[in-house]
Amino acid sequence: MMNKLEKLSDYQLINLFQGGNLDAELKRKVINEIDRRDLKLSNEDKSFISNKQKVFVFLTTIFLFKYHIKIANSFLTNGNKKLYNEYWRWYSFGVGFKFILLLLFAKYLLRPNVLMF
């Protein structure tokens, strides 16, 4: 079993440990392998989107669609679904805000006769 643990990637090894469905012997072997590789069990590197990035996503929703798809999918491929969902939440807020601005612009600044009741 130890040989199979050595073949696992760091991410797979940490996920195996955090899964929690391990017997005592396998858990001890997994902990030894994590210690041997000197891995950290917590993902403290980036577990949230910064405020600067939130504002950027919020303001550039319409113009940089392909860029936003690439960034969000990189979160998903790295296994961080929480960041992926947060990123698309802020993207959706930006689209909704732009749509409301468009409606307000059409109602008060353009004043088309068709929309007047």
PDB file of N, CA and C in Angstrom:
ATOM      1  N   MET A   1       0.820  -1.198   0.000  1.00  0.00           N
ATOM      2  CA  MET A   1       0.000   0.000   0.000  1.00  0.00           C
ATOM      3  C   MET A   1       0.860   1.256   0.000  1.00  0.00           C
ATOM      4  N   MET A   2       2.021   1.187   0.651  1.00  0.00           N
ATOM      5  CA  MET A   2       2.881   2.357   0.722  1.00  0.00           C
ATOM      6  C   MET A   2       3.352   2.776  -0.661  1.00  0.00           C
ATOM      7  N   ASN A   3       3.602   1.798  -1.529  1.00  0.00           N
ATOM      8  CA  ASN A   3       4.031   2.101  -2.882  1.00  0.00           C
ATOM      9  C   ASN A   3       2.935   2.845  -3.634  1.00  0.00           C
ATOM     10  N   LYS A   4       1.682   2.473  -3.395  1.00  0.00           N
ATOM     11  CA  LYS A   4       0.572   3.154  -4.047  1.00  0.00           C
ATOM     12  C   LYS A   4       0.402   4.573  -3.520  1.00  0.00           C
ATOM     13  N   LEU A   5       0.664   4.788  -2.255  1.00  0.00           N
ATOM     14  CA  LEU A   5       0.573   6.131  -1.689  1.00  0.00           C
ATOM     15  C   LEU A   5       1.636   7.051  -2.269  1.00  0.00           C
ATOM     16  N   GLU A   6       2.797   6.513  -2.577  1.00  0.00           N
ATOM     17  CA  GLU A   6       3.866   7.322  -3.148  1.00  0.00           C
ATOM     18  C   GLU A   6       3.524   7.795  -4.553  1.00  0.00           C
ATOM     19  N   LYS A   7       2.667   7.056  -5.246  1.00  0.00           N
ATOM     20  CA  LYS A   7       2.296   7.429  -6.613  1.00  0.00           C
ATOM     21  C   LYS A   7       1.228   8.517  -6.654  1.00  0.00           C
ATOM     22  N   LEU A   8       0.529   8.743  -5.546  1.00  0.00           N
ATOM     23  CA  LEU A   8      -0.517   9.766  -5.516  1.00  0.00           C
ATOM     24  C   LEU A   8       0.086  11.163  -5.569  1.00  0.00           C
ATOM     25  N   SER A   9      -0.642  12.086  -6.183  1.00  0.00           N
ATOM     26  CA  SER A   9      -0.189  13.472  -6.186  1.00  0.00           C
ATOM     27  C   SER A   9      -0.435  14.082  -4.805  1.00  0.00           C
ATOM     28  N   ASP A  10       0.156  15.231  -4.567  1.00  0.00           N
ATOM     29  CA  ASP A  10      -0.019  15.899  -3.281  1.00  0.00           C
ATOM     30  C   ASP A  10      -1.488  16.205  -3.016  1.00  0.00           C
ATOM     31  N   TYR A  11      -2.165  16.699  -4.036  1.00  0.00           N
ATOM     32  CA  TYR A  11      -3.580  17.052  -3.906  1.00  0.00           C
ATOM     33  C   TYR A  11      -4.426  15.823  -3.594  1.00  0.00           C
ATOM     34  N   GLN A  12      -4.147  14.705  -4.277  1.00  0.00           N
ATOM     35  CA  GLN A  12      -4.901  13.479  -4.033  1.00  0.00           C
ATOM     36  C   GLN A  12      -4.637  12.946  -2.632  1.00  0.00           C
ATOM     37  N   LEU A  13      -3.420  13.058  -2.165  1.00  0.00           N
ATOM     38  CA  LEU A  13      -3.066  12.570  -0.832  1.00  0.00           C
ATOM     39  C   LEU A  13      -3.782  13.378   0.252  1.00  0.00           C
ATOM     40  N   ILE A  14      -3.801  14.670   0.101  1.00  0.00           N
ATOM     41  CA  ILE A  14      -4.485  15.525   1.080  1.00  0.00           C
ATOM     42  C   ILE A  14      -5.985  15.271   1.047  1.00  0.00           C
ATOM     43  N   ASN A  15      -6.561  15.102  -0.150  1.00  0.00           N
ATOM     44  CA  ASN A  15      -7.987  14.799  -0.245  1.00  0.00           C
ATOM     45  C   ASN A  15      -8.315  13.449   0.385  1.00  0.00           C
ATOM     46  N   LEU A  16      -7.441  12.482   0.235  1.00  0.00           N
ATOM     47  CA  LEU A  16      -7.644  11.174   0.849  1.00  0.00           C
ATOM     48  C   LEU A  16      -7.659  11.304   2.373  1.00  0.00           C
ATOM     49  N   PHE A  17      -6.759  12.107   2.901  1.00  0.00           N
ATOM     50  CA  PHE A  17      -6.692  12.303   4.350  1.00  0.00           C
ATOM     51  C   PHE A  17      -7.918  13.056   4.853  1.00  0.00           C
ATOM     52  N   GLN A  18      -8.345  14.080   4.139  1.00  0.00           N
ATOM     53  CA  GLN A  18      -9.473  14.892   4.578  1.00  0.00           C
ATOM     54  C   GLN A  18     -10.816  14.213   4.335  1.00  0.00           C
ATOM     55  N   GLY A  19     -10.827  13.157   3.529  1.00  0.00           N
ATOM     56  CA  GLY A  19     -12.065  12.424   3.285  1.00  0.00           C
ATOM     57  C   GLY A  19     -12.627  11.810   4.549  1.00  0.00           C
ATOM     58  N   GLY A  20     -11.776  11.306   5.424  1.00  0.00           N
ATOM     59  CA  GLY A  20     -12.203  10.821   6.713  1.00  0.00           C
ATOM     60  C   GLY A  20     -12.658   9.369   6.754  1.00  0.00           C
ATOM     61  N   ASN A  21     -12.782   8.677   5.638  1.00  0.00           N
ATOM     62  CA  ASN A  21     -13.238   7.292   5.628  1.00  0.00           C
ATOM     63  C   ASN A  21     -12.064   6.324   5.585  1.00  0.00           C
ATOM     64  N   LEU A  22     -11.128   6.479   6.501  1.00  0.00           N
ATOM     65  CA  LEU A  22      -9.928   5.646   6.531  1.00  0.00           C
ATOM     66  C   LEU A  22      -9.874   4.847   7.820  1.00  0.00           C
ATOM     67  N   ASP A  23      -9.359   3.635   7.724  1.00  0.00           N
ATOM     68  CA  ASP A  23      -9.125   2.883   8.954  1.00  0.00           C
ATOM     69  C   ASP A  23      -7.833   3.392   9.598  1.00  0.00           C
ATOM     70  N   ALA A  24      -7.556   2.946  10.801  1.00  0.00           N
ATOM     71  CA  ALA A  24      -6.446   3.496  11.586  1.00  0.00           C
ATOM     72  C   ALA A  24      -5.097   3.253  10.925  1.00  0.00           C
ATOM     73  N   GLU A  25      -4.900   2.054  10.369  1.00  0.00           N
ATOM     74  CA  GLU A  25      -3.604   1.731   9.762  1.00  0.00           C
ATOM     75  C   GLU A  25      -3.354   2.563   8.498  1.00  0.00           C
ATOM     76  N   LEU A  26      -4.371   2.670   7.641  1.00  0.00           N
ATOM     77  CA  LEU A  26      -4.223   3.451   6.415  1.00  0.00           C
ATOM     78  C   LEU A  26      -4.041   4.926   6.749  1.00  0.00           C
ATOM     79  N   LYS A  27      -4.753   5.407   7.748  1.00  0.00           N
ATOM     80  CA  LYS A  27      -4.617   6.809   8.139  1.00  0.00           C
ATOM     81  C   LYS A  27      -3.204   7.097   8.629  1.00  0.00           C
ATOM     82  N   ARG A  28      -2.630   6.170   9.391  1.00  0.00           N
ATOM     83  CA  ARG A  28      -1.256   6.341   9.874  1.00  0.00           C
ATOM     84  C   ARG A  28      -0.279   6.388   8.707  1.00  0.00           C
ATOM     85  N   LYS A  29      -0.485   5.519   7.695  1.00  0.00           N
ATOM     86  CA  LYS A  29       0.392   5.515   6.516  1.00  0.00           C
ATOM     87  C   LYS A  29       0.259   6.803   5.718  1.00  0.00           C
ATOM     88  N   VAL A  30      -0.975   7.293   5.600  1.00  0.00           N
ATOM     89  CA  VAL A  30      -1.195   8.548   4.875  1.00  0.00           C
ATOM     90  C   VAL A  30      -0.526   9.705   5.606  1.00  0.00           C
ATOM     91  N   ILE A  31      -0.636   9.733   6.921  1.00  0.00           N
ATOM     92  CA  ILE A  31       0.011  10.797   7.705  1.00  0.00           C
ATOM     93  C   ILE A  31       1.521  10.722   7.563  1.00  0.00           C
ATOM     94  N   ASN A  32       2.069   9.526   7.577  1.00  0.00           N
ATOM     95  CA  ASN A  32       3.521   9.375   7.385  1.00  0.00           C
ATOM     96  C   ASN A  32       3.949   9.868   6.014  1.00  0.00           C
ATOM     97  N   GLU A  33       3.160   9.579   4.991  1.00  0.00           N
ATOM     98  CA  GLU A  33       3.492  10.042   3.636  1.00  0.00           C
ATOM     99  C   GLU A  33       3.388  11.563   3.534  1.00  0.00           C
ATOM    100  N   ILE A  34       2.380  12.140   4.176  1.00  0.00           N
ATOM    101  CA  ILE A  34       2.242  13.605   4.182  1.00  0.00           C
ATOM    102  C   ILE A  34       3.432  14.234   4.894  1.00  0.00           C
ATOM    103  N   ASP A  35       3.841  13.647   6.014  1.00  0.00           N
ATOM    104  CA  ASP A  35       5.005  14.158   6.742  1.00  0.00           C
ATOM    105  C   ASP A  35       6.282  13.998   5.931  1.00  0.00           C
ATOM    106  N   ARG A  36       6.402  12.877   5.222  1.00  0.00           N
ATOM    107  CA  ARG A  36       7.601  12.636   4.403  1.00  0.00           C
ATOM    108  C   ARG A  36       7.724  13.679   3.294  1.00  0.00           C
ATOM    109  N   ARG A  37       6.588  14.043   2.702  1.00  0.00           N
ATOM    110  CA  ARG A  37       6.594  15.051   1.630  1.00  0.00           C
ATOM    111  C   ARG A  37       6.606  16.474   2.161  1.00  0.00           C
ATOM    112  N   ASP A  38       6.433  16.631   3.459  1.00  0.00           N
ATOM    113  CA  ASP A  38       6.404  17.942   4.112  1.00  0.00           C
ATOM    114  C   ASP A  38       5.281  18.818   3.529  1.00  0.00           C
ATOM    115  N   LEU A  39       4.080  18.241   3.483  1.00  0.00           N
ATOM    116  CA  LEU A  39       2.915  18.958   2.971  1.00  0.00           C
ATOM    117  C   LEU A  39       2.165  19.640   4.099  1.00  0.00           C
ATOM    118  N   LYS A  40       1.464  20.694   3.747  1.00  0.00           N
ATOM    119  CA  LYS A  40       0.605  21.375   4.706  1.00  0.00           C
ATOM    120  C   LYS A  40      -0.827  20.960   4.418  1.00  0.00           C
ATOM    121  N   LEU A  41      -1.587  20.664   5.459  1.00  0.00           N
ATOM    122  CA  LEU A  41      -2.951  20.192   5.287  1.00  0.00           C
ATOM    123  C   LEU A  41      -3.939  21.329   5.067  1.00  0.00           C
ATOM    124  N   SER A  42      -3.592  22.526   5.444  1.00  0.00           N
ATOM    125  CA  SER A  42      -4.528  23.638   5.264  1.00  0.00           C
ATOM    126  C   SER A  42      -4.186  24.389   3.985  1.00  0.00           C
ATOM    127  N   ASN A  43      -5.210  24.852   3.316  1.00  0.00           N
ATOM    128  CA  ASN A  43      -5.033  25.635   2.093  1.00  0.00           C
ATOM    129  C   ASN A  43      -5.123  27.113   2.430  1.00  0.00           C
ATOM    130  N   GLU A  44      -4.064  27.649   3.017  1.00  0.00           N
ATOM    131  CA  GLU A  44      -4.058  29.040   3.438  1.00  0.00           C
ATOM    132  C   GLU A  44      -3.588  29.982   2.328  1.00  0.00           C
ATOM    133  N   ASP A  45      -3.173  29.429   1.194  1.00  0.00           N
ATOM    134  CA  ASP A  45      -2.575  30.267   0.161  1.00  0.00           C
ATOM    135  C   ASP A  45      -3.592  31.231  -0.459  1.00  0.00           C
ATOM    136  N   LYS A  46      -4.771  30.741  -0.828  1.00  0.00           N
ATOM    137  CA  LYS A  46      -5.766  31.627  -1.437  1.00  0.00           C
ATOM    138  C   LYS A  46      -7.115  30.952  -1.336  1.00  0.00           C
ATOM    139  N   SER A  47      -7.868  31.320  -0.341  1.00  0.00           N
ATOM    140  CA  SER A  47      -9.174  30.694  -0.171  1.00  0.00           C
ATOM    141  C   SER A  47     -10.301  31.705  -0.332  1.00  0.00           C
ATOM    142  N   PHE A  48      -9.984  32.887  -0.807  1.00  0.00           N
ATOM    143  CA  PHE A  48     -11.006  33.903  -1.032  1.00  0.00           C
ATOM    144  C   PHE A  48     -10.550  34.834  -2.155  1.00  0.00           C
ATOM    145  N   ILE A  49     -11.491  35.554  -2.695  1.00  0.00           N
ATOM    146  CA  ILE A  49     -11.181  36.521  -3.749  1.00  0.00           C
ATOM    147  C   ILE A  49     -10.989  37.882  -3.086  1.00  0.00           C
ATOM    148  N   SER A  50      -9.930  38.569  -3.447  1.00  0.00           N
ATOM    149  CA  SER A  50      -9.652  39.874  -2.841  1.00  0.00           C
ATOM    150  C   SER A  50     -10.691  40.898  -3.287  1.00  0.00           C
ATOM    151  N   ASN A  51     -10.809  41.960  -2.514  1.00  0.00           N
ATOM    152  CA  ASN A  51     -11.775  43.011  -2.845  1.00  0.00           C
ATOM    153  C   ASN A  51     -11.439  43.680  -4.176  1.00  0.00           C
ATOM    154  N   LYS A  52     -10.157  43.823  -4.447  1.00  0.00           N
ATOM    155  CA  LYS A  52      -9.730  44.429  -5.706  1.00  0.00           C
ATOM    156  C   LYS A  52     -10.192  43.570  -6.893  1.00  0.00           C
ATOM    157  N   GLN A  53     -10.055  42.259  -6.752  1.00  0.00           N
ATOM    158  CA  GLN A  53     -10.475  41.363  -7.826  1.00  0.00           C
ATOM    159  C   GLN A  53     -12.001  41.344  -7.956  1.00  0.00           C
ATOM    160  N   LYS A  54     -12.725  41.458  -6.834  1.00  0.00           N
ATOM    161  CA  LYS A  54     -14.183  41.519  -6.892  1.00  0.00           C
ATOM    162  C   LYS A  54     -14.652  42.745  -7.671  1.00  0.00           C
ATOM    163  N   VAL A  55     -14.041  43.880  -7.393  1.00  0.00           N
ATOM    164  CA  VAL A  55     -14.407  45.115  -8.098  1.00  0.00           C
ATOM    165  C   VAL A  55     -14.079  44.995  -9.581  1.00  0.00           C
ATOM    166  N   PHE A  56     -12.932  44.403  -9.904  1.00  0.00           N
ATOM    167  CA  PHE A  56     -12.543  44.216 -11.296  1.00  0.00           C
ATOM    168  C   PHE A  56     -13.554  43.340 -12.031  1.00  0.00           C
ATOM    169  N   VAL A  57     -13.956  42.236 -11.403  1.00  0.00           N
ATOM    170  CA  VAL A  57     -14.938  41.339 -12.015  1.00  0.00           C
ATOM    171  C   VAL A  57     -16.270  42.060 -12.176  1.00  0.00           C
ATOM    172  N   PHE A  58     -16.672  42.793 -11.160  1.00  0.00           N
ATOM    173  CA  PHE A  58     -17.945  43.495 -11.157  1.00  0.00           C
ATOM    174  C   PHE A  58     -18.019  44.522 -12.288  1.00  0.00           C
ATOM    175  N   LEU A  59     -16.924  45.238 -12.522  1.00  0.00           N
ATOM    176  CA  LEU A  59     -16.945  46.326 -13.511  1.00  0.00           C
ATOM    177  C   LEU A  59     -16.664  45.868 -14.940  1.00  0.00           C
ATOM    178  N   THR A  60     -16.032  44.725 -15.122  1.00  0.00           N
ATOM    179  CA  THR A  60     -15.649  44.298 -16.469  1.00  0.00           C
ATOM    180  C   THR A  60     -16.437  43.083 -16.951  1.00  0.00           C
ATOM    181  N   THR A  61     -17.624  42.879 -16.449  1.00  0.00           N
ATOM    182  CA  THR A  61     -18.390  41.682 -16.791  1.00  0.00           C
ATOM    183  C   THR A  61     -18.720  41.608 -18.272  1.00  0.00           C
ATOM    184  N   ILE A  62     -19.111  42.687 -18.870  1.00  0.00           N
ATOM    185  CA  ILE A  62     -19.558  42.668 -20.256  1.00  0.00           C
ATOM    186  C   ILE A  62     -18.379  42.599 -21.232  1.00  0.00           C
ATOM    187  N   PHE A  63     -17.279  43.256 -20.911  1.00  0.00           N
ATOM    188  CA  PHE A  63     -16.204  43.443 -21.872  1.00  0.00           C
ATOM    189  C   PHE A  63     -15.206  42.277 -21.945  1.00  0.00           C
ATOM    190  N   LEU A  64     -14.960  41.610 -20.841  1.00  0.00           N
ATOM    191  CA  LEU A  64     -13.909  40.593 -20.797  1.00  0.00           C
ATOM    192  C   LEU A  64     -14.473  39.209 -20.495  1.00  0.00           C
ATOM    193  N   PHE A  65     -15.465  38.787 -21.235  1.00  0.00           N
ATOM    194  CA  PHE A  65     -16.153  37.537 -20.954  1.00  0.00           C
ATOM    195  C   PHE A  65     -15.211  36.330 -21.038  1.00  0.00           C
ATOM    196  N   LYS A  66     -14.394  36.241 -22.095  1.00  0.00           N
ATOM    197  CA  LYS A  66     -13.484  35.103 -22.249  1.00  0.00           C
ATOM    198  C   LYS A  66     -12.442  35.066 -21.125  1.00  0.00           C
ATOM    199  N   TYR A  67     -11.982  36.219 -20.714  1.00  0.00           N
ATOM    200  CA  TYR A  67     -11.023  36.293 -19.614  1.00  0.00           C
ATOM    201  C   TYR A  67     -11.639  35.733 -18.331  1.00  0.00           C
ATOM    202  N   HIS A  68     -12.886  36.121 -18.065  1.00  0.00           N
ATOM    203  CA  HIS A  68     -13.555  35.647 -16.854  1.00  0.00           C
ATOM    204  C   HIS A  68     -13.799  34.140 -16.900  1.00  0.00           C
ATOM    205  N   ILE A  69     -14.093  33.607 -18.059  1.00  0.00           N
ATOM    206  CA  ILE A  69     -14.272  32.163 -18.192  1.00  0.00           C
ATOM    207  C   ILE A  69     -12.961  31.439 -17.878  1.00  0.00           C
ATOM    208  N   LYS A  70     -11.848  31.937 -18.390  1.00  0.00           N
ATOM    209  CA  LYS A  70     -10.555  31.304 -18.142  1.00  0.00           C
ATOM    210  C   LYS A  70     -10.190  31.332 -16.657  1.00  0.00           C
ATOM    211  N   ILE A  71     -10.395  32.470 -16.008  1.00  0.00           N
ATOM    212  CA  ILE A  71     -10.051  32.591 -14.591  1.00  0.00           C
ATOM    213  C   ILE A  71     -10.930  31.670 -13.743  1.00  0.00           C
ATOM    214  N   ALA A  72     -12.225  31.697 -13.998  1.00  0.00           N
ATOM    215  CA  ALA A  72     -13.142  30.861 -13.210  1.00  0.00           C
ATOM    216  C   ALA A  72     -12.865  29.375 -13.423  1.00  0.00           C
ATOM    217  N   ASN A  73     -12.560  28.985 -14.643  1.00  0.00           N
ATOM    218  CA  ASN A  73     -12.269  27.579 -14.904  1.00  0.00           C
ATOM    219  C   ASN A  73     -10.934  27.155 -14.298  1.00  0.00           C
ATOM    220  N   SER A  74     -10.002  28.082 -14.153  1.00  0.00           N
ATOM    221  CA  SER A  74      -8.748  27.725 -13.477  1.00  0.00           C
ATOM    222  C   SER A  74      -9.012  27.414 -12.003  1.00  0.00           C
ATOM    223  N   PHE A  75      -9.961  28.126 -11.394  1.00  0.00           N
ATOM    224  CA  PHE A  75     -10.336  27.804 -10.016  1.00  0.00           C
ATOM    225  C   PHE A  75     -10.928  26.398  -9.945  1.00  0.00           C
ATOM    226  N   LEU A  76     -11.760  26.071 -10.912  1.00  0.00           N
ATOM    227  CA  LEU A  76     -12.435  24.777 -10.908  1.00  0.00           C
ATOM    228  C   LEU A  76     -11.459  23.631 -11.170  1.00  0.00           C
ATOM    229  N   THR A  77     -10.513  23.830 -12.081  1.00  0.00           N
ATOM    230  CA  THR A  77      -9.553  22.768 -12.372  1.00  0.00           C
ATOM    231  C   THR A  77      -8.579  22.546 -11.221  1.00  0.00           C
ATOM    232  N   ASN A  78      -8.359  23.575 -10.399  1.00  0.00           N
ATOM    233  CA  ASN A  78      -7.516  23.413  -9.211  1.00  0.00           C
ATOM    234  C   ASN A  78      -8.285  22.798  -8.056  1.00  0.00           C
ATOM    235  N   GLY A  79      -9.557  22.509  -8.271  1.00  0.00           N
ATOM    236  CA  GLY A  79     -10.354  21.848  -7.246  1.00  0.00           C
ATOM    237  C   GLY A  79     -10.945  22.782  -6.218  1.00  0.00           C
ATOM    238  N   ASN A  80     -10.997  24.071  -6.512  1.00  0.00           N
ATOM    239  CA  ASN A  80     -11.525  25.031  -5.550  1.00  0.00           C
ATOM    240  C   ASN A  80     -12.898  25.509  -6.010  1.00  0.00           C
ATOM    241  N   LYS A  81     -13.915  24.719  -5.716  1.00  0.00           N
ATOM    242  CA  LYS A  81     -15.268  25.038  -6.158  1.00  0.00           C
ATOM    243  C   LYS A  81     -15.827  26.253  -5.416  1.00  0.00           C
ATOM    244  N   LYS A  82     -15.377  26.485  -4.189  1.00  0.00           N
ATOM    245  CA  LYS A  82     -15.846  27.641  -3.428  1.00  0.00           C
ATOM    246  C   LYS A  82     -15.431  28.944  -4.122  1.00  0.00           C
ATOM    247  N   LEU A  83     -14.181  29.025  -4.543  1.00  0.00           N
ATOM    248  CA  LEU A  83     -13.716  30.216  -5.265  1.00  0.00           C
ATOM    249  C   LEU A  83     -14.437  30.365  -6.596  1.00  0.00           C
ATOM    250  N   TYR A  84     -14.668  29.250  -7.276  1.00  0.00           N
ATOM    251  CA  TYR A  84     -15.375  29.255  -8.549  1.00  0.00           C
ATOM    252  C   TYR A  84     -16.775  29.840  -8.383  1.00  0.00           C
ATOM    253  N   ASN A  85     -17.491  29.371  -7.372  1.00  0.00           N
ATOM    254  CA  ASN A  85     -18.847  29.881  -7.132  1.00  0.00           C
ATOM    255  C   ASN A  85     -18.842  31.346  -6.734  1.00  0.00           C
ATOM    256  N   GLU A  86     -17.876  31.760  -5.908  1.00  0.00           N
ATOM    257  CA  GLU A  86     -17.802  33.162  -5.502  1.00  0.00           C
ATOM    258  C   GLU A  86     -17.486  34.061  -6.695  1.00  0.00           C
ATOM    259  N   TYR A  87     -16.600  33.600  -7.560  1.00  0.00           N
ATOM    260  CA  TYR A  87     -16.239  34.384  -8.744  1.00  0.00           C
ATOM    261  C   TYR A  87     -17.458  34.607  -9.631  1.00  0.00           C
ATOM    262  N   TRP A  88     -18.212  33.525  -9.891  1.00  0.00           N
ATOM    263  CA  TRP A  88     -19.391  33.674 -10.748  1.00  0.00           C
ATOM    264  C   TRP A  88     -20.495  34.439 -10.050  1.00  0.00           C
ATOM    265  N   ARG A  89     -20.563  34.436  -8.742  1.00  0.00           N
ATOM    266  CA  ARG A  89     -21.543  35.252  -8.022  1.00  0.00           C
ATOM    267  C   ARG A  89     -21.271  36.730  -8.281  1.00  0.00           C
ATOM    268  N   TRP A  90     -20.004  37.136  -8.169  1.00  0.00           N
ATOM    269  CA  TRP A  90     -19.663  38.532  -8.417  1.00  0.00           C
ATOM    270  C   TRP A  90     -19.840  38.898  -9.890  1.00  0.00           C
ATOM    271  N   TYR A  91     -19.596  37.962 -10.780  1.00  0.00           N
ATOM    272  CA  TYR A  91     -19.844  38.194 -12.204  1.00  0.00           C
ATOM    273  C   TYR A  91     -21.334  38.430 -12.436  1.00  0.00           C
ATOM    274  N   SER A  92     -22.170  37.629 -11.807  1.00  0.00           N
ATOM    275  CA  SER A  92     -23.619  37.781 -11.959  1.00  0.00           C
ATOM    276  C   SER A  92     -24.096  39.108 -11.379  1.00  0.00           C
ATOM    277  N   PHE A  93     -23.532  39.520 -10.247  1.00  0.00           N
ATOM    278  CA  PHE A  93     -23.867  40.829  -9.690  1.00  0.00           C
ATOM    279  C   PHE A  93     -23.536  41.929 -10.691  1.00  0.00           C
ATOM    280  N   GLY A  94     -22.401  41.817 -11.346  1.00  0.00           N
ATOM    281  CA  GLY A  94     -22.001  42.818 -12.334  1.00  0.00           C
ATOM    282  C   GLY A  94     -22.935  42.862 -13.524  1.00  0.00           C
ATOM    283  N   VAL A  95     -23.343  41.696 -14.024  1.00  0.00           N
ATOM    284  CA  VAL A  95     -24.272  41.649 -15.156  1.00  0.00           C
ATOM    285  C   VAL A  95     -25.614  42.251 -14.758  1.00  0.00           C
ATOM    286  N   GLY A  96     -26.100  41.911 -13.576  1.00  0.00           N
ATOM    287  CA  GLY A  96     -27.373  42.473 -13.102  1.00  0.00           C
ATOM    288  C   GLY A  96     -27.296  43.978 -12.944  1.00  0.00           C
ATOM    289  N   PHE A  97     -26.193  44.472 -12.410  1.00  0.00           N
ATOM    290  CA  PHE A  97     -26.009  45.917 -12.243  1.00  0.00           C
ATOM    291  C   PHE A  97     -25.983  46.628 -13.590  1.00  0.00           C
ATOM    292  N   LYS A  98     -25.264  46.051 -14.554  1.00  0.00           N
ATOM    293  CA  LYS A  98     -25.211  46.663 -15.888  1.00  0.00           C
ATOM    294  C   LYS A  98     -26.586  46.659 -16.549  1.00  0.00           C
ATOM    295  N   PHE A  99     -27.368  45.613 -16.338  1.00  0.00           N
ATOM    296  CA  PHE A  99     -28.712  45.543 -16.916  1.00  0.00           C
ATOM    297  C   PHE A  99     -29.617  46.610 -16.302  1.00  0.00           C
ATOM    298  N   ILE A 100     -29.522  46.801 -14.995  1.00  0.00           N
ATOM    299  CA  ILE A 100     -30.318  47.850 -14.344  1.00  0.00           C
ATOM    300  C   ILE A 100     -29.904  49.227 -14.840  1.00  0.00           C
ATOM    301  N   LEU A 101     -28.598  49.440 -14.999  1.00  0.00           N
ATOM    302  CA  LEU A 101     -28.134  50.722 -15.552  1.00  0.00           C
ATOM    303  C   LEU A 101     -28.665  50.948 -16.966  1.00  0.00           C
ATOM    304  N   LEU A 102     -28.681  49.896 -17.771  1.00  0.00           N
ATOM    305  CA  LEU A 102     -29.207  50.007 -19.120  1.00  0.00           C
ATOM    306  C   LEU A 102     -30.689  50.372 -19.106  1.00  0.00           C
ATOM    307  N   LEU A 103     -31.462  49.768 -18.241  1.00  0.00           N
ATOM    308  CA  LEU A 103     -32.884  50.091 -18.143  1.00  0.00           C
ATOM    309  C   LEU A 103     -33.109  51.524 -17.672  1.00  0.00           C
ATOM    310  N   LEU A 104     -32.333  51.951 -16.684  1.00  0.00           N
ATOM    311  CA  LEU A 104     -32.461  53.336 -16.208  1.00  0.00           C
ATOM    312  C   LEU A 104     -32.050  54.330 -17.281  1.00  0.00           C
ATOM    313  N   PHE A 105     -31.002  54.013 -18.023  1.00  0.00           N
ATOM    314  CA  PHE A 105     -30.556  54.866 -19.122  1.00  0.00           C
ATOM    315  C   PHE A 105     -31.649  54.983 -20.186  1.00  0.00           C
ATOM    316  N   ALA A 106     -32.257  53.862 -20.525  1.00  0.00           N
ATOM    317  CA  ALA A 106     -33.309  53.871 -21.538  1.00  0.00           C
ATOM    318  C   ALA A 106     -34.541  54.623 -21.055  1.00  0.00           C
ATOM    319  N   LYS A 107     -34.864  54.513 -19.795  1.00  0.00           N
ATOM    320  CA  LYS A 107     -36.081  55.143 -19.292  1.00  0.00           C
ATOM    321  C   LYS A 107     -35.914  56.651 -19.121  1.00  0.00           C
ATOM    322  N   TYR A 108     -34.820  57.100 -18.533  1.00  0.00           N
ATOM    323  CA  TYR A 108     -34.702  58.509 -18.181  1.00  0.00           C
ATOM    324  C   TYR A 108     -33.903  59.348 -19.167  1.00  0.00           C
ATOM    325  N   LEU A 109     -32.971  58.765 -19.879  1.00  0.00           N
ATOM    326  CA  LEU A 109     -32.151  59.585 -20.781  1.00  0.00           C
ATOM    327  C   LEU A 109     -32.599  59.499 -22.231  1.00  0.00           C
ATOM    328  N   LEU A 110     -33.027  58.354 -22.672  1.00  0.00           N
ATOM    329  CA  LEU A 110     -33.464  58.246 -24.049  1.00  0.00           C
ATOM    330  C   LEU A 110     -34.908  58.699 -24.232  1.00  0.00           C
ATOM    331  N   ARG A 111     -35.727  58.410 -23.285  1.00  0.00           N
ATOM    332  CA  ARG A 111     -37.149  58.750 -23.288  1.00  0.00           C
ATOM    333  C   ARG A 111     -37.829  58.422 -24.615  1.00  0.00           C
ATOM    334  N   PRO A 112     -37.785  57.161 -25.003  1.00  0.00           N
ATOM    335  CA  PRO A 112     -38.476  56.817 -26.247  1.00  0.00           C
ATOM    336  C   PRO A 112     -39.989  56.884 -26.051  1.00  0.00           C
ATOM    337  N   ASN A 113     -40.683  57.299 -27.104  1.00  0.00           N
ATOM    338  CA  ASN A 113     -42.132  57.423 -27.025  1.00  0.00           C
ATOM    339  C   ASN A 113     -42.824  56.086 -26.909  1.00  0.00           C
ATOM    340  N   VAL A 114     -42.177  55.043 -27.320  1.00  0.00           N
ATOM    341  CA  VAL A 114     -42.777  53.715 -27.261  1.00  0.00           C
ATOM    342  C   VAL A 114     -42.914  53.265 -25.806  1.00  0.00           C
ATOM    343  N   LEU A 115     -41.951  53.593 -24.951  1.00  0.00           N
ATOM    344  CA  LEU A 115     -41.980  53.132 -23.568  1.00  0.00           C
ATOM    345  C   LEU A 115     -42.822  53.994 -22.658  1.00  0.00           C
ATOM    346  N   MET A 116     -43.253  55.149 -23.127  1.00  0.00           N
ATOM    347  CA  MET A 116     -44.033  56.061 -22.264  1.00  0.00           C
ATOM    348  C   MET A 116     -45.468  55.609 -22.233  1.00  0.00           C
ATOM    349  N   PHE A 117     -45.999  55.510 -21.056  1.00  0.00           N
ATOM    350  CA  PHE A 117     -47.385  55.047 -20.878  1.00  0.00           C
ATOM    351  C   PHE A 117     -48.283  56.205 -20.547  1.00  0.00           C
TER     352      PHE A 117
END
